[in-house]
C-alpha atoms as a PDB file:
ATOM      1  CA  UNK A   1    -111.116 123.456  96.564  1.00  0.00           C
ATOM      2  CA  UNK A   2    -111.285 119.819  95.552  1.00  0.00           C
ATOM      3  CA  UNK A   3    -110.787 118.937  91.904  1.00  0.00           C
ATOM      4  CA  UNK A   4    -112.797 115.984  90.653  1.00  0.00           C
ATOM      5  CA  UNK A   5    -111.061 113.980  87.943  1.00  0.00           C
ATOM      6  CA  UNK A   6    -113.033 111.727  85.622  1.00  0.00           C
ATOM      7  CA  UNK A   7    -112.036 108.763  83.499  1.00  0.00           C
ATOM      8  CA  UNK A   8    -112.962 108.451  79.845  1.00  0.00           C
ATOM      9  CA  UNK A   9    -115.745 106.070  80.853  1.00  0.00           C
ATOM     10  CA  UNK A  10    -117.146 108.547  83.386  1.00  0.00           C
ATOM     11  CA  UNK A  11    -117.062 111.365  80.820  1.00  0.00           C
ATOM     12  CA  UNK A  12    -118.915 109.188  78.326  1.00  0.00           C
ATOM     13  CA  UNK A  13    -121.633 108.564  80.915  1.00  0.00           C
ATOM     14  CA  UNK A  14    -121.778 112.264  81.830  1.00  0.00           C
ATOM     15  CA  UNK A  15    -122.315 113.275  78.190  1.00  0.00           C
ATOM     16  CA  UNK A  16    -124.274 110.139  77.247  1.00  0.00           C
ATOM     17  CA  UNK A  17    -121.951 109.183  74.415  1.00  0.00           C
ATOM     18  CA  UNK A  18    -119.754 106.170  73.671  1.00  0.00           C
ATOM     19  CA  UNK A  19    -116.258 106.041  75.151  1.00  0.00           C
ATOM     20  CA  UNK A  20    -114.891 106.010  71.615  1.00  0.00           C
ATOM     21  CA  UNK A  21    -116.544 109.394  71.026  1.00  0.00           C
ATOM     22  CA  UNK A  22    -114.719 110.892  74.007  1.00  0.00           C
ATOM     23  CA  UNK A  23    -111.432 109.442  72.721  1.00  0.00           C
ATOM     24  CA  UNK A  24    -112.149 110.903  69.266  1.00  0.00           C
ATOM     25  CA  UNK A  25    -112.848 114.321  70.786  1.00  0.00           C
ATOM     26  CA  UNK A  26    -109.559 114.057  72.671  1.00  0.00           C
ATOM     27  CA  UNK A  27    -107.570 112.975  69.601  1.00  0.00           C
ATOM     28  CA  UNK A  28    -109.103 115.757  67.475  1.00  0.00           C
ATOM     29  CA  UNK A  29    -108.434 118.403  70.160  1.00  0.00           C
ATOM     30  CA  UNK A  30    -112.141 119.132  70.595  1.00  0.00           C
ATOM     31  CA  UNK A  31    -111.933 119.088  74.396  1.00  0.00           C
ATOM     32  CA  UNK A  32    -110.327 122.237  75.840  1.00  0.00           C
ATOM     33  CA  UNK A  33    -106.792 121.664  77.054  1.00  0.00           C
ATOM     34  CA  UNK A  34    -107.720 123.232  80.404  1.00  0.00           C
ATOM     35  CA  UNK A  35    -110.111 120.301  81.001  1.00  0.00           C
ATOM     36  CA  UNK A  36    -107.447 117.650  80.396  1.00  0.00           C
ATOM     37  CA  UNK A  37    -105.103 116.302  83.061  1.00  0.00           C
ATOM     38  CA  UNK A  38    -102.295 113.944  82.043  1.00  0.00           C
ATOM     39  CA  UNK A  39    -101.232 111.717  84.912  1.00  0.00           C
ATOM     40  CA  UNK A  40     -97.497 112.007  85.520  1.00  0.00           C
ATOM     41  CA  UNK A  41     -95.143 109.049  85.309  1.00  0.00           C
ATOM     42  CA  UNK A  42     -97.452 106.799  83.335  1.00  0.00           C
ATOM     43  CA  UNK A  43     -96.153 104.898  80.339  1.00  0.00           C
ATOM     44  CA  UNK A  44     -99.429 105.160  78.443  1.00  0.00           C
ATOM     45  CA  UNK A  45     -99.920 108.871  79.113  1.00  0.00           C
ATOM     46  CA  UNK A  46    -103.097 108.224  81.074  1.00  0.00           C
ATOM     47  CA  UNK A  47    -105.588 111.059  80.765  1.00  0.00           C
ATOM     48  CA  UNK A  48    -108.177 112.244  83.234  1.00  0.00           C
ATOM     49  CA  UNK A  49    -110.666 115.044  82.779  1.00  0.00           C
ATOM     50  CA  UNK A  50    -111.424 117.897  85.167  1.00  0.00           C
ATOM     51  CA  UNK A  51    -115.163 117.715  85.743  1.00  0.00           C
ATOM     52  CA  UNK A  52    -115.734 121.412  86.492  1.00  0.00           C
ATOM     53  CA  UNK A  53    -113.889 122.427  83.290  1.00  0.00           C
ATOM     54  CA  UNK A  54    -115.924 119.948  81.218  1.00  0.00           C
ATOM     55  CA  UNK A  55    -119.118 121.395  82.678  1.00  0.00           C
ATOM     56  CA  UNK A  56    -117.913 124.925  81.824  1.00  0.00           C
ATOM     57  CA  UNK A  57    -117.097 123.778  78.278  1.00  0.00           C
ATOM     58  CA  UNK A  58    -120.470 122.170  77.683  1.00  0.00           C
ATOM     59  CA  UNK A  59    -122.289 125.213  79.078  1.00  0.00           C
ATOM     60  CA  UNK A  60    -120.340 127.518  76.762  1.00  0.00           C
ATOM     61  CA  UNK A  61    -118.127 129.162  79.378  1.00  0.00           C
ATOM     62  CA  UNK A  62    -114.845 127.902  77.855  1.00  0.00           C
END
């Protein structure tokens, strides 16, 4: 099974919101932790989002 990871920009396009909205959701813990993937060994703590988990969240399955 292949896991598709999305950037903040891609998530904003998927949900048709501003990138700042996605960052706010992330900072306020509105996005389920199971949908968040922190890239290892990055100084900035780069975050990616698991597309299938985001789709489950938005459809009410998470």
